Amino acid sequence: MTEAPESSTEKSWPLWEVFVRGKRGLSHVHVGSLHAPDAQLALRNGRDLYTRRQEGVSIWVVRASDIVASSPEEKDSFFDPAADKVYRHPSFYEVPEDVEYL
């Protein structure tokens, strides 16, 4: 079976990344990608494609071209500066004995 050729309209539509927050989740999770001509249609199509069983309570769509990410190859040099800041770790602080529920 041969694939149908893409139309020029589909080629010109930007790629959108879709993130959904589940009913029990606290953060949005990347669930997939889709092509759409604008943000509103991307939201609707993302809802239809990725929340068919009503598992989401919030959806985000972001143009893929707007996402900037660090490179996995540079992870050591990119995240290295955090290692010398010990004050960011909770073990640096002493909790007084009279503090409850911490």
PDB file of N, CA and C in Angstrom:
ATOM      1  N   MET A   1       0.847  -1.183   0.000  1.00  0.00           N
ATOM      2  CA  MET A   1       0.000   0.000   0.000  1.00  0.00           C
ATOM      3  C   MET A   1       0.890   1.242   0.000  1.00  0.00           C
ATOM      4  N   THR A   2       0.621   2.181  -0.843  1.00  0.00           N
ATOM      5  CA  THR A   2       1.427   3.392  -0.924  1.00  0.00           C
ATOM      6  C   THR A   2       0.780   4.504  -0.118  1.00  0.00           C
ATOM      7  N   GLU A   3       1.647   5.374   0.427  1.00  0.00           N
ATOM      8  CA  GLU A   3       1.146   6.510   1.200  1.00  0.00           C
ATOM      9  C   GLU A   3       0.689   7.613   0.263  1.00  0.00           C
ATOM     10  N   ALA A   4      -0.338   8.318   0.696  1.00  0.00           N
ATOM     11  CA  ALA A   4      -0.806   9.460  -0.086  1.00  0.00           C
ATOM     12  C   ALA A   4       0.191  10.594   0.061  1.00  0.00           C
ATOM     13  N   PRO A   5       0.508  11.282  -1.019  1.00  0.00           N
ATOM     14  CA  PRO A   5       1.454  12.394  -0.908  1.00  0.00           C
ATOM     15  C   PRO A   5       0.873  13.527  -0.074  1.00  0.00           C
ATOM     16  N   GLU A   6       1.758  14.194   0.665  1.00  0.00           N
ATOM     17  CA  GLU A   6       1.313  15.316   1.486  1.00  0.00           C
ATOM     18  C   GLU A   6       0.927  16.493   0.598  1.00  0.00           C
ATOM     19  N   SER A   7      -0.115  17.177   0.984  1.00  0.00           N
ATOM     20  CA  SER A   7      -0.502  18.369   0.235  1.00  0.00           C
ATOM     21  C   SER A   7       0.396  19.526   0.654  1.00  0.00           C
ATOM     22  N   SER A   8       0.420  20.570  -0.116  1.00  0.00           N
ATOM     23  CA  SER A   8       1.249  21.728   0.211  1.00  0.00           C
ATOM     24  C   SER A   8       0.749  22.418   1.474  1.00  0.00           C
ATOM     25  N   THR A   9      -0.557  22.297   1.773  1.00  0.00           N
ATOM     26  CA  THR A   9      -1.107  22.890   2.997  1.00  0.00           C
ATOM     27  C   THR A   9      -0.544  22.195   4.218  1.00  0.00           C
ATOM     28  N   GLU A  10      -0.507  20.850   4.205  1.00  0.00           N
ATOM     29  CA  GLU A  10       0.024  20.108   5.347  1.00  0.00           C
ATOM     30  C   GLU A  10       1.494  20.406   5.571  1.00  0.00           C
ATOM     31  N   LYS A  11       2.246  20.595   4.513  1.00  0.00           N
ATOM     32  CA  LYS A  11       3.662  20.894   4.647  1.00  0.00           C
ATOM     33  C   LYS A  11       3.887  22.268   5.260  1.00  0.00           C
ATOM     34  N   SER A  12       2.985  23.195   5.037  1.00  0.00           N
ATOM     35  CA  SER A  12       3.187  24.549   5.540  1.00  0.00           C
ATOM     36  C   SER A  12       2.672  24.737   6.966  1.00  0.00           C
ATOM     37  N   TRP A  13       1.867  23.812   7.463  1.00  0.00           N
ATOM     38  CA  TRP A  13       1.369  23.934   8.832  1.00  0.00           C
ATOM     39  C   TRP A  13       2.499  23.647   9.812  1.00  0.00           C
ATOM     40  N   PRO A  14       2.618  24.467  10.846  1.00  0.00           N
ATOM     41  CA  PRO A  14       3.691  24.232  11.814  1.00  0.00           C
ATOM     42  C   PRO A  14       3.422  23.005  12.687  1.00  0.00           C
ATOM     43  N   LEU A  15       4.482  22.472  13.241  1.00  0.00           N
ATOM     44  CA  LEU A  15       4.408  21.336  14.152  1.00  0.00           C
ATOM     45  C   LEU A  15       4.172  21.852  15.566  1.00  0.00           C
ATOM     46  N   TRP A  16       3.243  21.252  16.276  1.00  0.00           N
ATOM     47  CA  TRP A  16       2.907  21.632  17.654  1.00  0.00           C
ATOM     48  C   TRP A  16       3.188  20.454  18.577  1.00  0.00           C
ATOM     49  N   GLU A  17       3.755  20.734  19.739  1.00  0.00           N
ATOM     50  CA  GLU A  17       3.965  19.716  20.765  1.00  0.00           C
ATOM     51  C   GLU A  17       2.812  19.835  21.755  1.00  0.00           C
ATOM     52  N   VAL A  18       2.255  18.698  22.168  1.00  0.00           N
ATOM     53  CA  VAL A  18       1.063  18.675  23.009  1.00  0.00           C
ATOM     54  C   VAL A  18       1.422  18.135  24.392  1.00  0.00           C
ATOM     55  N   PHE A  19       0.990  18.860  25.433  1.00  0.00           N
ATOM     56  CA  PHE A  19       1.209  18.475  26.822  1.00  0.00           C
ATOM     57  C   PHE A  19      -0.147  18.408  27.515  1.00  0.00           C
ATOM     58  N   VAL A  20      -0.374  17.348  28.288  1.00  0.00           N
ATOM     59  CA  VAL A  20      -1.652  17.159  28.969  1.00  0.00           C
ATOM     60  C   VAL A  20      -1.396  16.968  30.462  1.00  0.00           C
ATOM     61  N   ARG A  21      -2.234  17.603  31.273  1.00  0.00           N
ATOM     62  CA  ARG A  21      -2.212  17.372  32.723  1.00  0.00           C
ATOM     63  C   ARG A  21      -3.372  16.450  33.039  1.00  0.00           C
ATOM     64  N   GLY A  22      -3.066  15.316  33.628  1.00  0.00           N
ATOM     65  CA  GLY A  22      -4.085  14.336  33.964  1.00  0.00           C
ATOM     66  C   GLY A  22      -4.875  14.731  35.194  1.00  0.00           C
ATOM     67  N   LYS A  23      -5.957  14.042  35.427  1.00  0.00           N
ATOM     68  CA  LYS A  23      -6.816  14.340  36.571  1.00  0.00           C
ATOM     69  C   LYS A  23      -6.074  14.249  37.891  1.00  0.00           C
ATOM     70  N   ARG A  24      -5.187  13.295  37.988  1.00  0.00           N
ATOM     71  CA  ARG A  24      -4.472  13.100  39.245  1.00  0.00           C
ATOM     72  C   ARG A  24      -3.056  13.664  39.212  1.00  0.00           C
ATOM     73  N   GLY A  25      -2.636  14.176  38.077  1.00  0.00           N
ATOM     74  CA  GLY A  25      -1.271  14.669  37.945  1.00  0.00           C
ATOM     75  C   GLY A  25      -1.125  16.109  38.381  1.00  0.00           C
ATOM     76  N   LEU A  26       0.090  16.477  38.727  1.00  0.00           N
ATOM     77  CA  LEU A  26       0.376  17.842  39.128  1.00  0.00           C
ATOM     78  C   LEU A  26       1.038  18.641  38.018  1.00  0.00           C
ATOM     79  N   SER A  27       1.607  17.945  37.056  1.00  0.00           N
ATOM     80  CA  SER A  27       2.302  18.657  35.984  1.00  0.00           C
ATOM     81  C   SER A  27       1.847  18.142  34.628  1.00  0.00           C
ATOM     82  N   HIS A  28       2.072  18.967  33.635  1.00  0.00           N
ATOM     83  CA  HIS A  28       1.745  18.577  32.270  1.00  0.00           C
ATOM     84  C   HIS A  28       2.815  17.604  31.756  1.00  0.00           C
ATOM     85  N   VAL A  29       2.395  16.641  30.962  1.00  0.00           N
ATOM     86  CA  VAL A  29       3.291  15.628  30.417  1.00  0.00           C
ATOM     87  C   VAL A  29       3.176  15.657  28.893  1.00  0.00           C
ATOM     88  N   HIS A  30       4.317  15.575  28.223  1.00  0.00           N
ATOM     89  CA  HIS A  30       4.312  15.556  26.767  1.00  0.00           C
ATOM     90  C   HIS A  30       3.665  14.264  26.295  1.00  0.00           C
ATOM     91  N   VAL A  31       2.650  14.400  25.426  1.00  0.00           N
ATOM     92  CA  VAL A  31       1.930  13.223  24.942  1.00  0.00           C
ATOM     93  C   VAL A  31       2.081  13.005  23.446  1.00  0.00           C
ATOM     94  N   GLY A  32       2.548  14.001  22.717  1.00  0.00           N
ATOM     95  CA  GLY A  32       2.717  13.820  21.285  1.00  0.00           C
ATOM     96  C   GLY A  32       2.821  15.127  20.527  1.00  0.00           C
ATOM     97  N   SER A  33       2.755  15.008  19.217  1.00  0.00           N
ATOM     98  CA  SER A  33       2.892  16.150  18.312  1.00  0.00           C
ATOM     99  C   SER A  33       1.795  16.103  17.266  1.00  0.00           C
ATOM    100  N   LEU A  34       1.532  17.258  16.667  1.00  0.00           N
ATOM    101  CA  LEU A  34       0.564  17.321  15.574  1.00  0.00           C
ATOM    102  C   LEU A  34       0.832  18.558  14.736  1.00  0.00           C
ATOM    103  N   HIS A  35       0.307  18.568  13.525  1.00  0.00           N
ATOM    104  CA  HIS A  35       0.391  19.735  12.651  1.00  0.00           C
ATOM    105  C   HIS A  35      -0.947  20.441  12.672  1.00  0.00           C
ATOM    106  N   ALA A  36      -0.915  21.767  12.773  1.00  0.00           N
ATOM    107  CA  ALA A  36      -2.135  22.566  12.743  1.00  0.00           C
ATOM    108  C   ALA A  36      -1.783  23.965  12.242  1.00  0.00           C
ATOM    109  N   PRO A  37      -2.745  24.659  11.634  1.00  0.00           N
ATOM    110  CA  PRO A  37      -2.456  25.986  11.090  1.00  0.00           C
ATOM    111  C   PRO A  37      -2.335  27.079  12.154  1.00  0.00           C
ATOM    112  N   ASP A  38      -3.004  26.889  13.320  1.00  0.00           N
ATOM    113  CA  ASP A  38      -2.952  27.907  14.365  1.00  0.00           C
ATOM    114  C   ASP A  38      -3.124  27.262  15.738  1.00  0.00           C
ATOM    115  N   ALA A  39      -2.968  28.075  16.791  1.00  0.00           N
ATOM    116  CA  ALA A  39      -3.007  27.564  18.166  1.00  0.00           C
ATOM    117  C   ALA A  39      -4.377  27.010  18.539  1.00  0.00           C
ATOM    118  N   GLN A  40      -5.444  27.669  18.120  1.00  0.00           N
ATOM    119  CA  GLN A  40      -6.782  27.199  18.478  1.00  0.00           C
ATOM    120  C   GLN A  40      -7.082  25.824  17.892  1.00  0.00           C
ATOM    121  N   LEU A  41      -6.730  25.630  16.640  1.00  0.00           N
ATOM    122  CA  LEU A  41      -6.955  24.325  16.027  1.00  0.00           C
ATOM    123  C   LEU A  41      -6.015  23.279  16.623  1.00  0.00           C
ATOM    124  N   ALA A  42      -4.819  23.685  16.985  1.00  0.00           N
ATOM    125  CA  ALA A  42      -3.893  22.761  17.644  1.00  0.00           C
ATOM    126  C   ALA A  42      -4.461  22.305  18.991  1.00  0.00           C
ATOM    127  N   LEU A  43      -5.067  23.232  19.739  1.00  0.00           N
ATOM    128  CA  LEU A  43      -5.707  22.862  21.016  1.00  0.00           C
ATOM    129  C   LEU A  43      -6.839  21.861  20.798  1.00  0.00           C
ATOM    130  N   ARG A  44      -7.696  22.157  19.851  1.00  0.00           N
ATOM    131  CA  ARG A  44      -8.840  21.273  19.590  1.00  0.00           C
ATOM    132  C   ARG A  44      -8.392  19.903  19.089  1.00  0.00           C
ATOM    133  N   ASN A  45      -7.450  19.902  18.148  1.00  0.00           N
ATOM    134  CA  ASN A  45      -6.959  18.625  17.632  1.00  0.00           C
ATOM    135  C   ASN A  45      -6.199  17.849  18.703  1.00  0.00           C
ATOM    136  N   GLY A  46      -5.441  18.558  19.532  1.00  0.00           N
ATOM    137  CA  GLY A  46      -4.732  17.898  20.627  1.00  0.00           C
ATOM    138  C   GLY A  46      -5.696  17.268  21.611  1.00  0.00           C
ATOM    139  N   ARG A  47      -6.765  17.981  21.910  1.00  0.00           N
ATOM    140  CA  ARG A  47      -7.807  17.430  22.793  1.00  0.00           C
ATOM    141  C   ARG A  47      -8.411  16.171  22.176  1.00  0.00           C
ATOM    142  N   ASP A  48      -8.756  16.250  20.892  1.00  0.00           N
ATOM    143  CA  ASP A  48      -9.391  15.111  20.227  1.00  0.00           C
ATOM    144  C   ASP A  48      -8.453  13.907  20.112  1.00  0.00           C
ATOM    145  N   LEU A  49      -7.176  14.164  19.871  1.00  0.00           N
ATOM    146  CA  LEU A  49      -6.232  13.063  19.680  1.00  0.00           C
ATOM    147  C   LEU A  49      -5.733  12.445  20.980  1.00  0.00           C
ATOM    148  N   TYR A  50      -5.481  13.280  21.982  1.00  0.00           N
ATOM    149  CA  TYR A  50      -4.761  12.802  23.160  1.00  0.00           C
ATOM    150  C   TYR A  50      -5.583  12.741  24.447  1.00  0.00           C
ATOM    151  N   THR A  51      -6.840  13.125  24.403  1.00  0.00           N
ATOM    152  CA  THR A  51      -7.671  13.010  25.614  1.00  0.00           C
ATOM    153  C   THR A  51      -9.017  12.383  25.265  1.00  0.00           C
ATOM    154  N   ARG A  52      -9.003  11.363  24.481  1.00  0.00           N
ATOM    155  CA  ARG A  52     -10.240  10.722  24.035  1.00  0.00           C
ATOM    156  C   ARG A  52     -11.030  10.091  25.168  1.00  0.00           C
ATOM    157  N   ARG A  53     -10.342   9.651  26.192  1.00  0.00           N
ATOM    158  CA  ARG A  53     -11.020   8.968  27.295  1.00  0.00           C
ATOM    159  C   ARG A  53     -11.217   9.893  28.491  1.00  0.00           C
ATOM    160  N   GLN A  54     -11.203  11.170  28.248  1.00  0.00           N
ATOM    161  CA  GLN A  54     -11.418  12.197  29.266  1.00  0.00           C
ATOM    162  C   GLN A  54     -10.416  12.101  30.410  1.00  0.00           C
ATOM    163  N   GLU A  55      -9.156  11.764  30.076  1.00  0.00           N
ATOM    164  CA  GLU A  55      -8.145  11.637  31.114  1.00  0.00           C
ATOM    165  C   GLU A  55      -7.423  12.941  31.430  1.00  0.00           C
ATOM    166  N   GLY A  56      -7.716  14.008  30.711  1.00  0.00           N
ATOM    167  CA  GLY A  56      -7.026  15.264  30.940  1.00  0.00           C
ATOM    168  C   GLY A  56      -7.916  16.334  31.538  1.00  0.00           C
ATOM    169  N   VAL A  57      -7.286  17.248  32.279  1.00  0.00           N
ATOM    170  CA  VAL A  57      -8.009  18.397  32.811  1.00  0.00           C
ATOM    171  C   VAL A  57      -7.445  19.712  32.270  1.00  0.00           C
ATOM    172  N   SER A  58      -6.284  19.631  31.626  1.00  0.00           N
ATOM    173  CA  SER A  58      -5.663  20.819  31.050  1.00  0.00           C
ATOM    174  C   SER A  58      -4.764  20.379  29.906  1.00  0.00           C
ATOM    175  N   ILE A  59      -4.710  21.198  28.874  1.00  0.00           N
ATOM    176  CA  ILE A  59      -3.865  20.868  27.720  1.00  0.00           C
ATOM    177  C   ILE A  59      -3.093  22.112  27.295  1.00  0.00           C
ATOM    178  N   TRP A  60      -1.840  21.915  26.969  1.00  0.00           N
ATOM    179  CA  TRP A  60      -0.994  22.977  26.431  1.00  0.00           C
ATOM    180  C   TRP A  60      -0.543  22.548  25.042  1.00  0.00           C
ATOM    181  N   VAL A  61      -0.442  23.495  24.127  1.00  0.00           N
ATOM    182  CA  VAL A  61       0.197  23.261  22.841  1.00  0.00           C
ATOM    183  C   VAL A  61       1.260  24.333  22.655  1.00  0.00           C
ATOM    184  N   VAL A  62       2.406  23.917  22.161  1.00  0.00           N
ATOM    185  CA  VAL A  62       3.541  24.819  21.970  1.00  0.00           C
ATOM    186  C   VAL A  62       4.123  24.541  20.597  1.00  0.00           C
ATOM    187  N   ARG A  63       4.372  25.594  19.844  1.00  0.00           N
ATOM    188  CA  ARG A  63       5.023  25.392  18.550  1.00  0.00           C
ATOM    189  C   ARG A  63       6.387  24.754  18.787  1.00  0.00           C
ATOM    190  N   ALA A  64       6.658  23.719  18.063  1.00  0.00           N
ATOM    191  CA  ALA A  64       7.935  23.016  18.215  1.00  0.00           C
ATOM    192  C   ALA A  64       9.108  23.947  17.937  1.00  0.00           C
ATOM    193  N   SER A  65       8.925  24.882  17.033  1.00  0.00           N
ATOM    194  CA  SER A  65      10.021  25.804  16.693  1.00  0.00           C
ATOM    195  C   SER A  65      10.322  26.789  17.824  1.00  0.00           C
ATOM    196  N   ASP A  66       9.405  26.942  18.788  1.00  0.00           N
ATOM    197  CA  ASP A  66       9.620  27.852  19.915  1.00  0.00           C
ATOM    198  C   ASP A  66      10.307  27.186  21.102  1.00  0.00           C
ATOM    199  N   ILE A  67      10.504  25.891  21.052  1.00  0.00           N
ATOM    200  CA  ILE A  67      11.118  25.162  22.161  1.00  0.00           C
ATOM    201  C   ILE A  67      12.628  25.208  22.011  1.00  0.00           C
ATOM    202  N   VAL A  68      13.286  25.577  23.090  1.00  0.00           N
ATOM    203  CA  VAL A  68      14.745  25.595  23.139  1.00  0.00           C
ATOM    204  C   VAL A  68      15.159  24.610  24.219  1.00  0.00           C
ATOM    205  N   ALA A  69      16.065  23.716  23.905  1.00  0.00           N
ATOM    206  CA  ALA A  69      16.467  22.681  24.852  1.00  0.00           C
ATOM    207  C   ALA A  69      17.980  22.565  24.922  1.00  0.00           C
ATOM    208  N   SER A  70      18.458  22.090  26.064  1.00  0.00           N
ATOM    209  CA  SER A  70      19.882  21.819  26.187  1.00  0.00           C
ATOM    210  C   SER A  70      20.205  20.534  25.436  1.00  0.00           C
ATOM    211  N   SER A  71      21.452  20.372  25.110  1.00  0.00           N
ATOM    212  CA  SER A  71      21.896  19.199  24.361  1.00  0.00           C
ATOM    213  C   SER A  71      22.322  18.100  25.337  1.00  0.00           C
ATOM    214  N   PRO A  72      21.873  16.864  25.115  1.00  0.00           N
ATOM    215  CA  PRO A  72      22.293  15.767  25.998  1.00  0.00           C
ATOM    216  C   PRO A  72      23.816  15.573  26.017  1.00  0.00           C
ATOM    217  N   GLU A  73      24.494  15.887  24.924  1.00  0.00           N
ATOM    218  CA  GLU A  73      25.946  15.746  24.867  1.00  0.00           C
ATOM    219  C   GLU A  73      26.648  16.744  25.786  1.00  0.00           C
ATOM    220  N   GLU A  74      26.006  17.859  26.092  1.00  0.00           N
ATOM    221  CA  GLU A  74      26.623  18.893  26.929  1.00  0.00           C
ATOM    222  C   GLU A  74      26.136  18.843  28.366  1.00  0.00           C
ATOM    223  N   LYS A  75      25.506  17.742  28.786  1.00  0.00           N
ATOM    224  CA  LYS A  75      24.895  17.702  30.114  1.00  0.00           C
ATOM    225  C   LYS A  75      25.904  17.910  31.240  1.00  0.00           C
ATOM    226  N   ASP A  76      27.109  17.349  31.118  1.00  0.00           N
ATOM    227  CA  ASP A  76      28.086  17.502  32.195  1.00  0.00           C
ATOM    228  C   ASP A  76      28.505  18.951  32.380  1.00  0.00           C
ATOM    229  N   SER A  77      28.865  19.624  31.303  1.00  0.00           N
ATOM    230  CA  SER A  77      29.300  21.011  31.426  1.00  0.00           C
ATOM    231  C   SER A  77      28.144  21.960  31.698  1.00  0.00           C
ATOM    232  N   PHE A  78      26.947  21.634  31.193  1.00  0.00           N
ATOM    233  CA  PHE A  78      25.802  22.524  31.371  1.00  0.00           C
ATOM    234  C   PHE A  78      25.294  22.507  32.816  1.00  0.00           C
ATOM    235  N   PHE A  79      25.249  21.319  33.427  1.00  0.00           N
ATOM    236  CA  PHE A  79      24.708  21.200  34.781  1.00  0.00           C
ATOM    237  C   PHE A  79      25.782  21.183  35.861  1.00  0.00           C
ATOM    238  N   ASP A  80      27.035  21.217  35.500  1.00  0.00           N
ATOM    239  CA  ASP A  80      28.132  21.162  36.458  1.00  0.00           C
ATOM    240  C   ASP A  80      28.119  22.300  37.478  1.00  0.00           C
ATOM    241  N   PRO A  81      27.804  23.540  37.119  1.00  0.00           N
ATOM    242  CA  PRO A  81      27.848  24.626  38.105  1.00  0.00           C
ATOM    243  C   PRO A  81      26.963  24.385  39.332  1.00  0.00           C
ATOM    244  N   ALA A  82      25.924  23.591  39.232  1.00  0.00           N
ATOM    245  CA  ALA A  82      25.040  23.343  40.366  1.00  0.00           C
ATOM    246  C   ALA A  82      25.705  22.490  41.437  1.00  0.00           C
ATOM    247  N   ALA A  83      26.725  21.719  41.085  1.00  0.00           N
ATOM    248  CA  ALA A  83      27.361  20.812  42.034  1.00  0.00           C
ATOM    249  C   ALA A  83      28.118  21.549  43.133  1.00  0.00           C
ATOM    250  N   ASP A  84      28.602  22.753  42.871  1.00  0.00           N
ATOM    251  CA  ASP A  84      29.384  23.464  43.882  1.00  0.00           C
ATOM    252  C   ASP A  84      28.541  24.392  44.765  1.00  0.00           C
ATOM    253  N   LYS A  85      27.246  24.303  44.678  1.00  0.00           N
ATOM    254  CA  LYS A  85      26.355  25.147  45.487  1.00  0.00           C
ATOM    255  C   LYS A  85      25.663  24.278  46.543  1.00  0.00           C
ATOM    256  N   VAL A  86      26.410  23.920  47.570  1.00  0.00           N
ATOM    257  CA  VAL A  86      25.889  22.993  48.576  1.00  0.00           C
ATOM    258  C   VAL A  86      24.714  23.576  49.354  1.00  0.00           C
ATOM    259  N   TYR A  87      24.623  24.891  49.415  1.00  0.00           N
ATOM    260  CA  TYR A  87      23.534  25.517  50.157  1.00  0.00           C
ATOM    261  C   TYR A  87      22.171  25.248  49.525  1.00  0.00           C
ATOM    262  N   ARG A  88      22.137  24.734  48.308  1.00  0.00           N
ATOM    263  CA  ARG A  88      20.870  24.412  47.655  1.00  0.00           C
ATOM    264  C   ARG A  88      20.312  23.069  48.114  1.00  0.00           C
ATOM    265  N   HIS A  89      21.128  22.291  48.785  1.00  0.00           N
ATOM    266  CA  HIS A  89      20.697  20.976  49.241  1.00  0.00           C
ATOM    267  C   HIS A  89      20.090  21.085  50.644  1.00  0.00           C
ATOM    268  N   PRO A  90      19.003  20.386  50.913  1.00  0.00           N
ATOM    269  CA  PRO A  90      18.364  20.496  52.224  1.00  0.00           C
ATOM    270  C   PRO A  90      19.238  19.978  53.359  1.00  0.00           C
ATOM    271  N   SER A  91      20.237  19.178  53.061  1.00  0.00           N
ATOM    272  CA  SER A  91      21.108  18.659  54.107  1.00  0.00           C
ATOM    273  C   SER A  91      22.023  19.740  54.682  1.00  0.00           C
ATOM    274  N   PHE A  92      22.095  20.886  54.034  1.00  0.00           N
ATOM    275  CA  PHE A  92      22.941  21.980  54.497  1.00  0.00           C
ATOM    276  C   PHE A  92      22.363  22.650  55.747  1.00  0.00           C
ATOM    277  N   TYR A  93      21.048  22.580  55.898  1.00  0.00           N
ATOM    278  CA  TYR A  93      20.377  23.264  56.994  1.00  0.00           C
ATOM    279  C   TYR A  93      20.083  22.314  58.143  1.00  0.00           C
ATOM    280  N   GLU A  94      20.147  22.848  59.344  1.00  0.00           N
ATOM    281  CA  GLU A  94      19.769  22.067  60.520  1.00  0.00           C
ATOM    282  C   GLU A  94      18.373  22.509  60.944  1.00  0.00           C
ATOM    283  N   VAL A  95      17.510  21.542  61.203  1.00  0.00           N
ATOM    284  CA  VAL A  95      16.143  21.834  61.607  1.00  0.00           C
ATOM    285  C   VAL A  95      16.087  21.829  63.129  1.00  0.00           C
ATOM    286  N   PRO A  96      15.617  22.916  63.730  1.00  0.00           N
ATOM    287  CA  PRO A  96      15.496  22.942  65.192  1.00  0.00           C
ATOM    288  C   PRO A  96      14.531  21.859  65.683  1.00  0.00           C
ATOM    289  N   GLU A  97      14.790  21.333  66.863  1.00  0.00           N
ATOM    290  CA  GLU A  97      13.986  20.229  67.389  1.00  0.00           C
ATOM    291  C   GLU A  97      12.540  20.638  67.658  1.00  0.00           C
ATOM    292  N   ASP A  98      12.288  21.907  67.968  1.00  0.00           N
ATOM    293  CA  ASP A  98      10.929  22.327  68.315  1.00  0.00           C
ATOM    294  C   ASP A  98      10.029  22.594  67.078  1.00  0.00           C
ATOM    295  N   VAL A  99      10.569  22.416  65.892  1.00  0.00           N
ATOM    296  CA  VAL A  99       9.770  22.601  64.679  1.00  0.00           C
ATOM    297  C   VAL A  99       9.033  21.304  64.377  1.00  0.00           C
ATOM    298  N   GLU A 100       7.700  21.385  64.283  1.00  0.00           N
ATOM    299  CA  GLU A 100       6.888  20.208  64.002  1.00  0.00           C
ATOM    300  C   GLU A 100       6.476  20.183  62.528  1.00  0.00           C
ATOM    301  N   TYR A 101       6.195  19.009  62.041  1.00  0.00           N
ATOM    302  CA  TYR A 101       5.614  18.788  60.717  1.00  0.00           C
ATOM    303  C   TYR A 101       6.415  19.374  59.569  1.00  0.00           C
ATOM    304  N   LEU A 102       7.691  19.207  59.613  1.00  0.00           N
ATOM    305  CA  LEU A 102       8.519  19.688  58.506  1.00  0.00           C
ATOM    306  C   LEU A 102       9.047  18.543  57.711  1.00  0.00           C
TER     307      LEU A 102
END
